């Protein structure tokens, strides 16, 4: 019989999910996608160096770009990602910090 994990046990993976509005309704233009890809590489290196998690990819569509990152502590992960996320010019933009069943929205 497995013992359920308590919600605040710290064993669950947290997420930082960044949403950026692009200029067009589709996948954005090539320059916008390139800026997201470049930022993703910078954030991936920063998270690895800080040991707070990993950047796990992106999605484009519906006029939006979404970047996903995961680690054991959403707040620590966001602290490392925040400067790069805020440097991107696409607005409106927001980040969801997921901590198990708890989610917080931060507008960029």
Protein backbone atom coordinates (compact mmCIF):
# COMPACT_ATOMS: atom_id res chain seq x y z
CA UNK A 1 0.00 0.00 0.00
CA UNK A 2 1.40 3.41 -1.02
CA UNK A 3 1.39 6.32 1.37
CA UNK A 4 -0.02 9.49 -0.22
CA UNK A 5 2.31 12.46 -0.40
CA UNK A 6 1.18 15.41 1.69
CA UNK A 7 0.63 18.60 -0.35
CA UNK A 8 3.33 20.49 1.54
CA UNK A 9 5.90 17.67 1.68
CA UNK A 10 8.22 19.31 -0.85
CA UNK A 11 8.33 16.14 -2.98
CA UNK A 12 6.28 17.62 -5.81
CA UNK A 13 7.68 19.44 -8.80
CA UNK A 14 6.85 23.14 -9.12
CA UNK A 15 6.44 25.06 -12.37
CA UNK A 16 7.00 28.52 -13.78
CA UNK A 17 4.89 29.03 -16.90
CA UNK A 18 5.40 32.31 -18.77
CA UNK A 19 2.78 33.61 -21.24
CA UNK A 20 3.59 36.33 -23.79
CA UNK A 21 1.17 37.94 -26.25
CA UNK A 22 2.61 38.07 -29.77
CA UNK A 23 1.88 40.58 -32.54
CA UNK A 24 -0.29 38.29 -34.66
CA UNK A 25 -2.96 35.69 -33.97
CA UNK A 26 -0.91 32.75 -35.22
CA UNK A 27 2.60 31.78 -34.20
CA UNK A 28 4.06 35.29 -34.16
CA UNK A 29 6.66 36.39 -36.67
CA UNK A 30 10.13 34.89 -37.14
CA UNK A 31 11.83 37.66 -35.13
CA UNK A 32 9.50 37.12 -32.17
CA UNK A 33 10.07 33.37 -32.18
CA UNK A 34 13.84 33.91 -32.40
CA UNK A 35 13.78 36.23 -29.37
CA UNK A 36 11.86 33.61 -27.38
CA UNK A 37 14.32 30.87 -28.44
CA UNK A 38 17.31 33.05 -27.48
CA UNK A 39 15.77 33.91 -24.10
CA UNK A 40 15.03 30.25 -23.50
CA UNK A 41 18.72 29.38 -24.00
CA UNK A 42 19.79 32.11 -21.57
CA UNK A 43 17.27 30.92 -18.97
CA UNK A 44 18.26 27.28 -19.45
CA UNK A 45 21.92 28.13 -18.74
CA UNK A 46 20.95 30.27 -15.72
CA UNK A 47 18.76 27.56 -14.16
CA UNK A 48 21.45 24.95 -14.67
CA UNK A 49 24.12 27.19 -13.13
CA UNK A 50 21.89 28.02 -10.14
CA UNK A 51 20.75 24.40 -9.75
CA UNK A 52 17.08 25.41 -9.40
CA UNK A 53 15.47 23.36 -12.17
CA UNK A 54 15.23 23.32 -15.94
CA UNK A 55 13.59 25.13 -18.83
CA UNK A 56 11.51 22.49 -20.56
CA UNK A 57 10.44 24.10 -23.83
CA UNK A 58 7.83 26.34 -25.37
CA UNK A 59 4.63 26.50 -27.35
CA UNK A 60 3.56 28.98 -30.00
CA UNK A 61 0.00 29.44 -31.22
CA UNK A 62 -3.12 31.51 -30.95
CA UNK A 63 -1.04 34.69 -30.85
CA UNK A 64 0.81 33.57 -27.74
CA UNK A 65 4.20 32.15 -26.75
CA UNK A 66 4.41 30.03 -23.60
CA UNK A 67 7.69 28.99 -21.94
CA UNK A 68 7.74 26.15 -19.39
CA UNK A 69 10.23 25.63 -16.55
CA UNK A 70 10.17 23.10 -13.73
CA UNK A 71 12.00 22.60 -10.44
CA UNK A 72 11.57 21.84 -6.75
CA UNK A 73 10.85 25.48 -5.76
CA UNK A 74 8.82 27.77 -8.06
CA UNK A 75 9.92 30.90 -6.20
CA UNK A 76 13.64 30.11 -6.48
CA UNK A 77 13.17 29.19 -10.13
CA UNK A 78 11.29 32.41 -10.90
CA UNK A 79 13.97 34.47 -9.16
CA UNK A 80 16.53 33.12 -11.63
CA UNK A 81 14.24 33.45 -14.67
CA UNK A 82 12.67 36.81 -13.86
CA UNK A 83 15.32 39.17 -15.32
CA UNK A 84 15.21 37.43 -18.71
CA UNK A 85 11.43 37.11 -18.70
CA UNK A 86 11.03 40.82 -17.93
CA UNK A 87 13.53 41.73 -20.67
CA UNK A 88 11.29 40.31 -23.39
CA UNK A 89 9.22 43.11 -24.99
CA UNK A 90 6.00 41.17 -25.61
CA UNK A 91 3.02 42.45 -23.64
CA UNK A 92 0.67 41.74 -22.10
CA UNK A 93 2.63 39.02 -20.33
CA UNK A 94 2.29 37.06 -17.12
CA UNK A 95 3.83 34.13 -15.27
CA UNK A 96 2.05 31.36 -13.39
CA UNK A 97 3.94 30.03 -10.38
CA UNK A 98 2.62 26.56 -9.62
CA UNK A 99 3.36 25.00 -6.25
CA UNK A 100 1.46 21.74 -6.21
CA UNK A 101 -2.21 22.67 -6.01
CA UNK A 102 -1.44 26.36 -5.40
CA UNK A 103 -0.99 28.79 -8.30
CA UNK A 104 0.03 32.46 -8.25
CA UNK A 105 -0.10 34.86 -11.20
CA UNK A 106 2.60 37.52 -11.61
CA UNK A 107 2.12 40.17 -14.28
CA UNK A 108 5.29 41.13 -16.13
